[in-house]
Amino acid sequence: MSEKITLLIEKLEFETIIGLLEKERKIPQKIEIWAKIEIKYKRNLLIDYMQIIKTIKEVLIDGKFFTVEEALLSLCDKISAINPKIKKIFLKILKPQIIENTVVGACIEKKF
């Protein structure tokens, strides 16, 4: 028997190049990642949080994306490739320092 389990990664923070503005292309900025990854869980099935976090960081640091939307689509593809038991991914990328007095970003939810 299998159950639906949602893995959570909250408030993963690091710096990367992401954005269209000239200063965003030159100076890494802090971003914040939130993820919910729904899996069809079976006993002894392991989804490694550290592998997912490593993948998120690699994709976003190496990608140097121009838009948050492009970054989200790429992340969904890479994370879903980690394990075929992944059924749904919700990702949110926030940019807390790009606009004074607010936090901006985007999110995606994709089913597999």
PDB file of N, CA and C in Angstrom:
ATOM      1  N   MET A   1       0.845  -1.190   0.000  1.00  0.00           N
ATOM      2  CA  MET A   1       0.000   0.000   0.000  1.00  0.00           C
ATOM      3  C   MET A   1       0.880   1.240   0.000  1.00  0.00           C
ATOM      4  N   SER A   2       0.454   2.255  -0.704  1.00  0.00           N
ATOM      5  CA  SER A   2       1.231   3.497  -0.733  1.00  0.00           C
ATOM      6  C   SER A   2       0.383   4.652  -0.220  1.00  0.00           C
ATOM      7  N   GLU A   3       1.054   5.635   0.281  1.00  0.00           N
ATOM      8  CA  GLU A   3       0.407   6.839   0.821  1.00  0.00           C
ATOM      9  C   GLU A   3       0.975   8.057   0.109  1.00  0.00           C
ATOM     10  N   LYS A   4       0.209   9.123   0.140  1.00  0.00           N
ATOM     11  CA  LYS A   4       0.688  10.401  -0.379  1.00  0.00           C
ATOM     12  C   LYS A   4       1.408  11.125   0.757  1.00  0.00           C
ATOM     13  N   ILE A   5       2.645  11.503   0.513  1.00  0.00           N
ATOM     14  CA  ILE A   5       3.452  12.250   1.483  1.00  0.00           C
ATOM     15  C   ILE A   5       3.937  13.517   0.796  1.00  0.00           C
ATOM     16  N   THR A   6       3.956  14.629   1.518  1.00  0.00           N
ATOM     17  CA  THR A   6       4.484  15.874   0.980  1.00  0.00           C
ATOM     18  C   THR A   6       5.751  16.246   1.730  1.00  0.00           C
ATOM     19  N   LEU A   7       6.853  16.298   1.004  1.00  0.00           N
ATOM     20  CA  LEU A   7       8.123  16.733   1.569  1.00  0.00           C
ATOM     21  C   LEU A   7       8.171  18.258   1.518  1.00  0.00           C
ATOM     22  N   LEU A   8       8.694  18.863   2.567  1.00  0.00           N
ATOM     23  CA  LEU A   8       8.755  20.321   2.644  1.00  0.00           C
ATOM     24  C   LEU A   8      10.199  20.799   2.739  1.00  0.00           C
ATOM     25  N   ILE A   9      10.493  21.832   1.979  1.00  0.00           N
ATOM     26  CA  ILE A   9      11.750  22.573   2.109  1.00  0.00           C
ATOM     27  C   ILE A   9      11.315  24.027   2.212  1.00  0.00           C
ATOM     28  N   GLU A  10      11.622  24.647   3.331  1.00  0.00           N
ATOM     29  CA  GLU A  10      11.164  26.015   3.569  1.00  0.00           C
ATOM     30  C   GLU A  10      12.337  26.937   3.847  1.00  0.00           C
ATOM     31  N   LYS A  11      12.248  28.106   3.255  1.00  0.00           N
ATOM     32  CA  LYS A  11      13.181  29.190   3.525  1.00  0.00           C
ATOM     33  C   LYS A  11      14.637  28.824   3.240  1.00  0.00           C
ATOM     34  N   LEU A  12      14.853  28.131   2.119  1.00  0.00           N
ATOM     35  CA  LEU A  12      16.209  27.852   1.652  1.00  0.00           C
ATOM     36  C   LEU A  12      16.748  29.149   1.049  1.00  0.00           C
ATOM     37  N   GLU A  13      17.799  29.683   1.643  1.00  0.00           N
ATOM     38  CA  GLU A  13      18.330  30.977   1.210  1.00  0.00           C
ATOM     39  C   GLU A  13      19.765  30.840   0.717  1.00  0.00           C
ATOM     40  N   PHE A  14      20.025  31.506  -0.406  1.00  0.00           N
ATOM     41  CA  PHE A  14      21.385  31.614  -0.929  1.00  0.00           C
ATOM     42  C   PHE A  14      21.398  32.735  -1.962  1.00  0.00           C
ATOM     43  N   GLU A  15      22.582  33.052  -2.470  1.00  0.00           N
ATOM     44  CA  GLU A  15      22.709  34.129  -3.446  1.00  0.00           C
ATOM     45  C   GLU A  15      22.968  33.567  -4.830  1.00  0.00           C
ATOM     46  N   THR A  16      22.383  34.238  -5.835  1.00  0.00           N
ATOM     47  CA  THR A  16      22.570  33.842  -7.220  1.00  0.00           C
ATOM     48  C   THR A  16      22.290  35.020  -8.150  1.00  0.00           C
ATOM     49  N   ILE A  17      22.631  34.833  -9.406  1.00  0.00           N
ATOM     50  CA  ILE A  17      22.299  35.810 -10.450  1.00  0.00           C
ATOM     51  C   ILE A  17      20.941  35.406 -11.019  1.00  0.00           C
ATOM     52  N   ILE A  18      19.961  36.286 -10.881  1.00  0.00           N
ATOM     53  CA  ILE A  18      18.632  36.036 -11.449  1.00  0.00           C
ATOM     54  C   ILE A  18      17.939  37.380 -11.643  1.00  0.00           C
ATOM     55  N   GLY A  19      17.480  37.638 -12.848  1.00  0.00           N
ATOM     56  CA  GLY A  19      16.768  38.888 -13.108  1.00  0.00           C
ATOM     57  C   GLY A  19      17.203  39.554 -14.393  1.00  0.00           C
ATOM     58  N   LEU A  20      16.453  40.579 -14.745  1.00  0.00           N
ATOM     59  CA  LEU A  20      16.671  41.318 -15.987  1.00  0.00           C
ATOM     60  C   LEU A  20      17.467  42.603 -15.819  1.00  0.00           C
ATOM     61  N   LEU A  21      17.381  43.200 -14.637  1.00  0.00           N
ATOM     62  CA  LEU A  21      18.037  44.488 -14.416  1.00  0.00           C
ATOM     63  C   LEU A  21      19.555  44.349 -14.461  1.00  0.00           C
ATOM     64  N   GLU A  22      20.215  45.415 -14.896  1.00  0.00           N
ATOM     65  CA  GLU A  22      21.678  45.391 -15.026  1.00  0.00           C
ATOM     66  C   GLU A  22      22.350  44.991 -13.718  1.00  0.00           C
ATOM     67  N   LYS A  23      21.898  45.549 -12.605  1.00  0.00           N
ATOM     68  CA  LYS A  23      22.529  45.208 -11.325  1.00  0.00           C
ATOM     69  C   LYS A  23      22.267  43.754 -10.946  1.00  0.00           C
ATOM     70  N   GLU A  24      21.112  43.186 -11.354  1.00  0.00           N
ATOM     71  CA  GLU A  24      20.809  41.786 -11.071  1.00  0.00           C
ATOM     72  C   GLU A  24      21.700  40.839 -11.882  1.00  0.00           C
ATOM     73  N   ARG A  25      22.169  41.291 -13.030  1.00  0.00           N
ATOM     74  CA  ARG A  25      23.019  40.465 -13.888  1.00  0.00           C
ATOM     75  C   ARG A  25      24.473  40.463 -13.412  1.00  0.00           C
ATOM     76  N   LYS A  26      24.847  41.472 -12.613  1.00  0.00           N
ATOM     77  CA  LYS A  26      26.243  41.613 -12.177  1.00  0.00           C
ATOM     78  C   LYS A  26      26.476  41.171 -10.734  1.00  0.00           C
ATOM     79  N   ILE A  27      25.518  41.450  -9.866  1.00  0.00           N
ATOM     80  CA  ILE A  27      25.703  41.208  -8.433  1.00  0.00           C
ATOM     81  C   ILE A  27      24.732  40.125  -7.970  1.00  0.00           C
ATOM     82  N   PRO A  28      25.253  39.019  -7.423  1.00  0.00           N
ATOM     83  CA  PRO A  28      24.333  37.998  -6.899  1.00  0.00           C
ATOM     84  C   PRO A  28      23.422  38.592  -5.828  1.00  0.00           C
ATOM     85  N   GLN A  29      22.176  38.168  -5.846  1.00  0.00           N
ATOM     86  CA  GLN A  29      21.211  38.643  -4.853  1.00  0.00           C
ATOM     87  C   GLN A  29      20.674  37.463  -4.058  1.00  0.00           C
ATOM     88  N   LYS A  30      20.230  37.761  -2.863  1.00  0.00           N
ATOM     89  CA  LYS A  30      19.649  36.724  -2.011  1.00  0.00           C
ATOM     90  C   LYS A  30      18.291  36.319  -2.570  1.00  0.00           C
ATOM     91  N   ILE A  31      18.079  34.996  -2.629  1.00  0.00           N
ATOM     92  CA  ILE A  31      16.760  34.484  -2.974  1.00  0.00           C
ATOM     93  C   ILE A  31      16.337  33.510  -1.890  1.00  0.00           C
ATOM     94  N   GLU A  32      15.051  33.252  -1.858  1.00  0.00           N
ATOM     95  CA  GLU A  32      14.482  32.329  -0.883  1.00  0.00           C
ATOM     96  C   GLU A  32      13.616  31.326  -1.651  1.00  0.00           C
ATOM     97  N   ILE A  33      13.824  30.046  -1.374  1.00  0.00           N
ATOM     98  CA  ILE A  33      13.099  28.978  -2.058  1.00  0.00           C
ATOM     99  C   ILE A  33      12.210  28.244  -1.070  1.00  0.00           C
ATOM    100  N   TRP A  34      10.989  27.987  -1.490  1.00  0.00           N
ATOM    101  CA  TRP A  34      10.042  27.159  -0.741  1.00  0.00           C
ATOM    102  C   TRP A  34       9.612  26.049  -1.692  1.00  0.00           C
ATOM    103  N   ALA A  35       9.575  24.811  -1.199  1.00  0.00           N
ATOM    104  CA  ALA A  35       9.191  23.691  -2.045  1.00  0.00           C
ATOM    105  C   ALA A  35       8.283  22.726  -1.291  1.00  0.00           C
ATOM    106  N   LYS A  36       7.300  22.203  -2.009  1.00  0.00           N
ATOM    107  CA  LYS A  36       6.462  21.101  -1.537  1.00  0.00           C
ATOM    108  C   LYS A  36       6.521  20.055  -2.634  1.00  0.00           C
ATOM    109  N   ILE A  37       6.960  18.863  -2.264  1.00  0.00           N
ATOM    110  CA  ILE A  37       7.128  17.804  -3.244  1.00  0.00           C
ATOM    111  C   ILE A  37       6.291  16.609  -2.803  1.00  0.00           C
ATOM    112  N   GLU A  38       5.265  16.335  -3.578  1.00  0.00           N
ATOM    113  CA  GLU A  38       4.345  15.245  -3.238  1.00  0.00           C
ATOM    114  C   GLU A  38       4.838  13.955  -3.879  1.00  0.00           C
ATOM    115  N   ILE A  39       4.940  12.920  -3.058  1.00  0.00           N
ATOM    116  CA  ILE A  39       5.388  11.628  -3.560  1.00  0.00           C
ATOM    117  C   ILE A  39       4.375  10.548  -3.211  1.00  0.00           C
ATOM    118  N   LYS A  40       4.421   9.494  -3.972  1.00  0.00           N
ATOM    119  CA  LYS A  40       3.663   8.294  -3.636  1.00  0.00           C
ATOM    120  C   LYS A  40       4.610   7.465  -2.782  1.00  0.00           C
ATOM    121  N   TYR A  41       4.371   7.477  -1.495  1.00  0.00           N
ATOM    122  CA  TYR A  41       5.306   6.884  -0.533  1.00  0.00           C
ATOM    123  C   TYR A  41       5.054   5.397  -0.356  1.00  0.00           C
ATOM    124  N   LYS A  42       6.114   4.655  -0.386  1.00  0.00           N
ATOM    125  CA  LYS A  42       6.094   3.241  -0.026  1.00  0.00           C
ATOM    126  C   LYS A  42       7.210   3.039   0.982  1.00  0.00           C
ATOM    127  N   ARG A  43       6.993   2.126   1.899  1.00  0.00           N
ATOM    128  CA  ARG A  43       8.003   1.832   2.909  1.00  0.00           C
ATOM    129  C   ARG A  43       9.347   1.568   2.229  1.00  0.00           C
ATOM    130  N   ASN A  44      10.397   2.090   2.813  1.00  0.00           N
ATOM    131  CA  ASN A  44      11.764   1.954   2.311  1.00  0.00           C
ATOM    132  C   ASN A  44      12.062   2.805   1.071  1.00  0.00           C
ATOM    133  N   LEU A  45      11.119   3.643   0.655  1.00  0.00           N
ATOM    134  CA  LEU A  45      11.394   4.582  -0.426  1.00  0.00           C
ATOM    135  C   LEU A  45      12.002   5.831   0.193  1.00  0.00           C
ATOM    136  N   LEU A  46      13.130   6.221  -0.294  1.00  0.00           N
ATOM    137  CA  LEU A  46      13.818   7.372   0.270  1.00  0.00           C
ATOM    138  C   LEU A  46      13.946   8.470  -0.776  1.00  0.00           C
ATOM    139  N   ILE A  47      13.500   9.644  -0.428  1.00  0.00           N
ATOM    140  CA  ILE A  47      13.777  10.830  -1.238  1.00  0.00           C
ATOM    141  C   ILE A  47      14.702  11.679  -0.382  1.00  0.00           C
ATOM    142  N   ASP A  48      15.872  11.907  -0.862  1.00  0.00           N
ATOM    143  CA  ASP A  48      16.927  12.570  -0.106  1.00  0.00           C
ATOM    144  C   ASP A  48      16.746  14.094  -0.167  1.00  0.00           C
ATOM    145  N   TYR A  49      16.423  14.704   0.976  1.00  0.00           N
ATOM    146  CA  TYR A  49      16.276  16.163   1.045  1.00  0.00           C
ATOM    147  C   TYR A  49      17.537  16.869   0.551  1.00  0.00           C
ATOM    148  N   MET A  50      18.679  16.344   0.975  1.00  0.00           N
ATOM    149  CA  MET A  50      19.939  16.990   0.598  1.00  0.00           C
ATOM    150  C   MET A  50      20.165  16.949  -0.910  1.00  0.00           C
ATOM    151  N   GLN A  51      19.756  15.875  -1.561  1.00  0.00           N
ATOM    152  CA  GLN A  51      19.884  15.789  -3.017  1.00  0.00           C
ATOM    153  C   GLN A  51      18.999  16.839  -3.688  1.00  0.00           C
ATOM    154  N   ILE A  52      17.789  17.013  -3.172  1.00  0.00           N
ATOM    155  CA  ILE A  52      16.888  18.016  -3.739  1.00  0.00           C
ATOM    156  C   ILE A  52      17.446  19.418  -3.527  1.00  0.00           C
ATOM    157  N   ILE A  53      17.938  19.703  -2.326  1.00  0.00           N
ATOM    158  CA  ILE A  53      18.523  21.023  -2.034  1.00  0.00           C
ATOM    159  C   ILE A  53      19.737  21.275  -2.923  1.00  0.00           C
ATOM    160  N   LYS A  54      20.585  20.270  -3.077  1.00  0.00           N
ATOM    161  CA  LYS A  54      21.769  20.399  -3.934  1.00  0.00           C
ATOM    162  C   LYS A  54      21.348  20.697  -5.370  1.00  0.00           C
ATOM    163  N   THR A  55      20.325  19.991  -5.852  1.00  0.00           N
ATOM    164  CA  THR A  55      19.828  20.216  -7.217  1.00  0.00           C
ATOM    165  C   THR A  55      19.291  21.628  -7.375  1.00  0.00           C
ATOM    166  N   ILE A  56      18.512  22.098  -6.413  1.00  0.00           N
ATOM    167  CA  ILE A  56      17.970  23.466  -6.461  1.00  0.00           C
ATOM    168  C   ILE A  56      19.103  24.479  -6.563  1.00  0.00           C
ATOM    169  N   LYS A  57      20.091  24.341  -5.698  1.00  0.00           N
ATOM    170  CA  LYS A  57      21.213  25.292  -5.700  1.00  0.00           C
ATOM    171  C   LYS A  57      21.989  25.238  -7.010  1.00  0.00           C
ATOM    172  N   GLU A  58      22.299  24.036  -7.484  1.00  0.00           N
ATOM    173  CA  GLU A  58      23.059  23.907  -8.729  1.00  0.00           C
ATOM    174  C   GLU A  58      22.322  24.534  -9.904  1.00  0.00           C
ATOM    175  N   VAL A  59      21.042  24.234 -10.030  1.00  0.00           N
ATOM    176  CA  VAL A  59      20.257  24.758 -11.152  1.00  0.00           C
ATOM    177  C   VAL A  59      20.220  26.279 -11.110  1.00  0.00           C
ATOM    178  N   LEU A  60      19.967  26.844  -9.934  1.00  0.00           N
ATOM    179  CA  LEU A  60      19.805  28.302  -9.848  1.00  0.00           C
ATOM    180  C   LEU A  60      21.134  29.055  -9.891  1.00  0.00           C
ATOM    181  N   ILE A  61      22.176  28.488  -9.349  1.00  0.00           N
ATOM    182  CA  ILE A  61      23.469  29.179  -9.388  1.00  0.00           C
ATOM    183  C   ILE A  61      24.096  29.061 -10.776  1.00  0.00           C
ATOM    184  N   ASP A  62      24.043  27.877 -11.362  1.00  0.00           N
ATOM    185  CA  ASP A  62      24.634  27.680 -12.690  1.00  0.00           C
ATOM    186  C   ASP A  62      23.806  28.311 -13.799  1.00  0.00           C
ATOM    187  N   GLY A  63      22.482  28.379 -13.607  1.00  0.00           N
ATOM    188  CA  GLY A  63      21.579  28.841 -14.656  1.00  0.00           C
ATOM    189  C   GLY A  63      21.645  30.315 -14.969  1.00  0.00           C
ATOM    190  N   LYS A  64      21.910  31.141 -13.962  1.00  0.00           N
ATOM    191  CA  LYS A  64      21.939  32.603 -14.148  1.00  0.00           C
ATOM    192  C   LYS A  64      20.738  33.049 -14.993  1.00  0.00           C
ATOM    193  N   PHE A  65      19.547  32.712 -14.522  1.00  0.00           N
ATOM    194  CA  PHE A  65      18.310  32.944 -15.266  1.00  0.00           C
ATOM    195  C   PHE A  65      17.967  34.428 -15.363  1.00  0.00           C
ATOM    196  N   PHE A  66      17.312  34.782 -16.461  1.00  0.00           N
ATOM    197  CA  PHE A  66      16.841  36.146 -16.650  1.00  0.00           C
ATOM    198  C   PHE A  66      15.500  36.368 -15.964  1.00  0.00           C
ATOM    199  N   THR A  67      14.703  35.305 -15.833  1.00  0.00           N
ATOM    200  CA  THR A  67      13.405  35.460 -15.171  1.00  0.00           C
ATOM    201  C   THR A  67      13.207  34.361 -14.135  1.00  0.00           C
ATOM    202  N   VAL A  68      12.426  34.676 -13.129  1.00  0.00           N
ATOM    203  CA  VAL A  68      12.061  33.700 -12.106  1.00  0.00           C
ATOM    204  C   VAL A  68      11.232  32.588 -12.734  1.00  0.00           C
ATOM    205  N   GLU A  69      10.409  32.942 -13.705  1.00  0.00           N
ATOM    206  CA  GLU A  69       9.565  31.950 -14.368  1.00  0.00           C
ATOM    207  C   GLU A  69      10.410  30.880 -15.069  1.00  0.00           C
ATOM    208  N   GLU A  70      11.453  31.303 -15.792  1.00  0.00           N
ATOM    209  CA  GLU A  70      12.350  30.341 -16.443  1.00  0.00           C
ATOM    210  C   GLU A  70      13.019  29.442 -15.403  1.00  0.00           C
ATOM    211  N   ALA A  71      13.419  30.036 -14.306  1.00  0.00           N
ATOM    212  CA  ALA A  71      14.066  29.279 -13.239  1.00  0.00           C
ATOM    213  C   ALA A  71      13.122  28.229 -12.660  1.00  0.00           C
ATOM    214  N   LEU A  72      11.877  28.599 -12.437  1.00  0.00           N
ATOM    215  CA  LEU A  72      10.895  27.662 -11.885  1.00  0.00           C
ATOM    216  C   LEU A  72      10.661  26.473 -12.819  1.00  0.00           C
ATOM    217  N   LEU A  73      10.526  26.735 -14.102  1.00  0.00           N
ATOM    218  CA  LEU A  73      10.306  25.652 -15.066  1.00  0.00           C
ATOM    219  C   LEU A  73      11.496  24.701 -15.116  1.00  0.00           C
ATOM    220  N   SER A  74      12.684  25.237 -15.106  1.00  0.00           N
ATOM    221  CA  SER A  74      13.887  24.415 -15.120  1.00  0.00           C
ATOM    222  C   SER A  74      14.004  23.581 -13.849  1.00  0.00           C
ATOM    223  N   LEU A  75      13.717  24.200 -12.708  1.00  0.00           N
ATOM    224  CA  LEU A  75      13.759  23.468 -11.433  1.00  0.00           C
ATOM    225  C   LEU A  75      12.773  22.303 -11.416  1.00  0.00           C
ATOM    226  N   CYS A  76      11.566  22.524 -11.897  1.00  0.00           N
ATOM    227  CA  CYS A  76      10.568  21.443 -11.922  1.00  0.00           C
ATOM    228  C   CYS A  76      11.082  20.255 -12.730  1.00  0.00           C
ATOM    229  N   ASP A  77      11.658  20.528 -13.883  1.00  0.00           N
ATOM    230  CA  ASP A  77      12.190  19.448 -14.721  1.00  0.00           C
ATOM    231  C   ASP A  77      13.297  18.676 -14.012  1.00  0.00           C
ATOM    232  N   LYS A  78      14.216  19.393 -13.403  1.00  0.00           N
ATOM    233  CA  LYS A  78      15.353  18.740 -12.737  1.00  0.00           C
ATOM    234  C   LYS A  78      14.921  17.959 -11.500  1.00  0.00           C
ATOM    235  N   ILE A  79      14.036  18.526 -10.704  1.00  0.00           N
ATOM    236  CA  ILE A  79      13.593  17.843  -9.477  1.00  0.00           C
ATOM    237  C   ILE A  79      12.770  16.603  -9.826  1.00  0.00           C
ATOM    238  N   SER A  80      11.897  16.709 -10.813  1.00  0.00           N
ATOM    239  CA  SER A  80      11.059  15.564 -11.171  1.00  0.00           C
ATOM    240  C   SER A  80      11.900  14.411 -11.714  1.00  0.00           C
ATOM    241  N   ALA A  81      13.050  14.713 -12.283  1.00  0.00           N
ATOM    242  CA  ALA A  81      13.933  13.670 -12.813  1.00  0.00           C
ATOM    243  C   ALA A  81      14.650  12.890 -11.703  1.00  0.00           C
ATOM    244  N   ILE A  82      14.658  13.424 -10.493  1.00  0.00           N
ATOM    245  CA  ILE A  82      15.352  12.765  -9.380  1.00  0.00           C
ATOM    246  C   ILE A  82      14.701  11.434  -9.025  1.00  0.00           C
ATOM    247  N   ASN A  83      13.359  11.380  -9.062  1.00  0.00           N
ATOM    248  CA  ASN A  83      12.674  10.165  -8.647  1.00  0.00           C
ATOM    249  C   ASN A  83      11.324  10.063  -9.349  1.00  0.00           C
ATOM    250  N   PRO A  84      11.036   8.918  -9.965  1.00  0.00           N
ATOM    251  CA  PRO A  84       9.757   8.759 -10.675  1.00  0.00           C
ATOM    252  C   PRO A  84       8.534   8.713  -9.748  1.00  0.00           C
ATOM    253  N   LYS A  85       8.745   8.627  -8.441  1.00  0.00           N
ATOM    254  CA  LYS A  85       7.630   8.603  -7.485  1.00  0.00           C
ATOM    255  C   LYS A  85       7.104  10.009  -7.193  1.00  0.00           C
ATOM    256  N   ILE A  86       7.800  11.033  -7.672  1.00  0.00           N
ATOM    257  CA  ILE A  86       7.342  12.409  -7.469  1.00  0.00           C
ATOM    258  C   ILE A  86       6.095  12.630  -8.323  1.00  0.00           C
ATOM    259  N   LYS A  87       5.022  13.047  -7.676  1.00  0.00           N
ATOM    260  CA  LYS A  87       3.733  13.225  -8.358  1.00  0.00           C
ATOM    261  C   LYS A  87       3.364  14.689  -8.582  1.00  0.00           C
ATOM    262  N   LYS A  88       3.830  15.558  -7.693  1.00  0.00           N
ATOM    263  CA  LYS A  88       3.494  16.981  -7.812  1.00  0.00           C
ATOM    264  C   LYS A  88       4.585  17.801  -7.145  1.00  0.00           C
ATOM    265  N   ILE A  89       4.892  18.937  -7.758  1.00  0.00           N
ATOM    266  CA  ILE A  89       5.879  19.861  -7.204  1.00  0.00           C
ATOM    267  C   ILE A  89       5.264  21.249  -7.135  1.00  0.00           C
ATOM    268  N   PHE A  90       5.403  21.882  -5.983  1.00  0.00           N
ATOM    269  CA  PHE A  90       5.078  23.299  -5.816  1.00  0.00           C
ATOM    270  C   PHE A  90       6.384  23.983  -5.456  1.00  0.00           C
ATOM    271  N   LEU A  91       6.743  25.015  -6.198  1.00  0.00           N
ATOM    272  CA  LEU A  91       7.967  25.778  -5.936  1.00  0.00           C
ATOM    273  C   LEU A  91       7.656  27.263  -5.902  1.00  0.00           C
ATOM    274  N   LYS A  92       8.336  27.947  -5.006  1.00  0.00           N
ATOM    275  CA  LYS A  92       8.200  29.404  -4.916  1.00  0.00           C
ATOM    276  C   LYS A  92       9.602  29.990  -4.795  1.00  0.00           C
ATOM    277  N   ILE A  93       9.886  30.983  -5.625  1.00  0.00           N
ATOM    278  CA  ILE A  93      11.145  31.730  -5.539  1.00  0.00           C
ATOM    279  C   ILE A  93      10.801  33.162  -5.158  1.00  0.00           C
ATOM    280  N   LEU A  94      11.401  33.619  -4.067  1.00  0.00           N
ATOM    281  CA  LEU A  94      11.190  34.986  -3.602  1.00  0.00           C
ATOM    282  C   LEU A  94      12.492  35.767  -3.704  1.00  0.00           C
ATOM    283  N   LYS A  95      12.348  37.053  -4.017  1.00  0.00           N
ATOM    284  CA  LYS A  95      13.487  37.971  -4.099  1.00  0.00           C
ATOM    285  C   LYS A  95      13.249  39.070  -3.058  1.00  0.00           C
ATOM    286  N   PRO A  96      13.737  38.875  -1.836  1.00  0.00           N
ATOM    287  CA  PRO A  96      13.400  39.791  -0.744  1.00  0.00           C
ATOM    288  C   PRO A  96      14.127  41.136  -0.755  1.00  0.00           C
ATOM    289  N   GLN A  97      15.142  41.292  -1.591  1.00  0.00           N
ATOM    290  CA  GLN A  97      15.937  42.523  -1.507  1.00  0.00           C
ATOM    291  C   GLN A  97      15.904  43.386  -2.760  1.00  0.00           C
ATOM    292  N   ILE A  98      15.203  42.971  -3.806  1.00  0.00           N
ATOM    293  CA  ILE A  98      15.285  43.706  -5.064  1.00  0.00           C
ATOM    294  C   ILE A  98      14.442  44.981  -5.070  1.00  0.00           C
ATOM    295  N   ILE A  99      13.331  44.991  -4.333  1.00  0.00           N
ATOM    296  CA  ILE A  99      12.480  46.183  -4.245  1.00  0.00           C
ATOM    297  C   ILE A  99      12.304  46.521  -2.768  1.00  0.00           C
ATOM    298  N   GLU A 100      12.552  47.768  -2.450  1.00  0.00           N
ATOM    299  CA  GLU A 100      12.473  48.203  -1.059  1.00  0.00           C
ATOM    300  C   GLU A 100      11.065  48.011  -0.496  1.00  0.00           C
ATOM    301  N   ASN A 101      10.998  47.547   0.735  1.00  0.00           N
ATOM    302  CA  ASN A 101       9.753  47.397   1.504  1.00  0.00           C
ATOM    303  C   ASN A 101       8.788  46.337   0.983  1.00  0.00           C
ATOM    304  N   THR A 102       9.276  45.415   0.166  1.00  0.00           N
ATOM    305  CA  THR A 102       8.398  44.331  -0.291  1.00  0.00           C
ATOM    306  C   THR A 102       9.219  43.121  -0.710  1.00  0.00           C
ATOM    307  N   VAL A 103       8.555  42.015  -0.826  1.00  0.00           N
ATOM    308  CA  VAL A 103       9.166  40.785  -1.332  1.00  0.00           C
ATOM    309  C   VAL A 103       8.402  40.405  -2.592  1.00  0.00           C
ATOM    310  N   VAL A 104       9.128  40.150  -3.680  1.00  0.00           N
ATOM    311  CA  VAL A 104       8.493  39.754  -4.939  1.00  0.00           C
ATOM    312  C   VAL A 104       8.984  38.369  -5.328  1.00  0.00           C
ATOM    313  N   GLY A 105       8.259  37.738  -6.212  1.00  0.00           N
ATOM    314  CA  GLY A 105       8.657  36.422  -6.677  1.00  0.00           C
ATOM    315  C   GLY A 105       7.552  35.795  -7.497  1.00  0.00           C
ATOM    316  N   ALA A 106       7.658  34.482  -7.668  1.00  0.00           N
ATOM    317  CA  ALA A 106       6.663  33.734  -8.430  1.00  0.00           C
ATOM    318  C   ALA A 106       6.646  32.297  -7.922  1.00  0.00           C
ATOM    319  N   CYS A 107       5.584  31.583  -8.288  1.00  0.00           N
ATOM    320  CA  CYS A 107       5.491  30.183  -7.892  1.00  0.00           C
ATOM    321  C   CYS A 107       4.907  29.369  -9.039  1.00  0.00           C
ATOM    322  N   ILE A 108       5.080  28.061  -8.922  1.00  0.00           N
ATOM    323  CA  ILE A 108       4.560  27.122  -9.911  1.00  0.00           C
ATOM    324  C   ILE A 108       4.094  25.861  -9.192  1.00  0.00           C
ATOM    325  N   GLU A 109       3.070  25.242  -9.745  1.00  0.00           N
ATOM    326  CA  GLU A 109       2.647  23.925  -9.284  1.00  0.00           C
ATOM    327  C   GLU A 109       2.503  23.060 -10.521  1.00  0.00           C
ATOM    328  N   LYS A 110       3.197  21.925 -10.524  1.00  0.00           N
ATOM    329  CA  LYS A 110       3.194  21.061 -11.694  1.00  0.00           C
ATOM    330  C   LYS A 110       2.958  19.618 -11.247  1.00  0.00           C
ATOM    331  N   LYS A 111       2.046  18.941 -11.957  1.00  0.00           N
ATOM    332  CA  LYS A 111       1.732  17.534 -11.669  1.00  0.00           C
ATOM    333  C   LYS A 111       2.411  16.645 -12.690  1.00  0.00           C
ATOM    334  N   PHE A 112       2.768  15.443 -12.234  1.00  0.00           N
ATOM    335  CA  PHE A 112       3.436  14.466 -13.108  1.00  0.00           C
ATOM    336  C   PHE A 112       2.667  13.173 -13.115  1.00  0.00           C
TER     337      PHE A 112
END
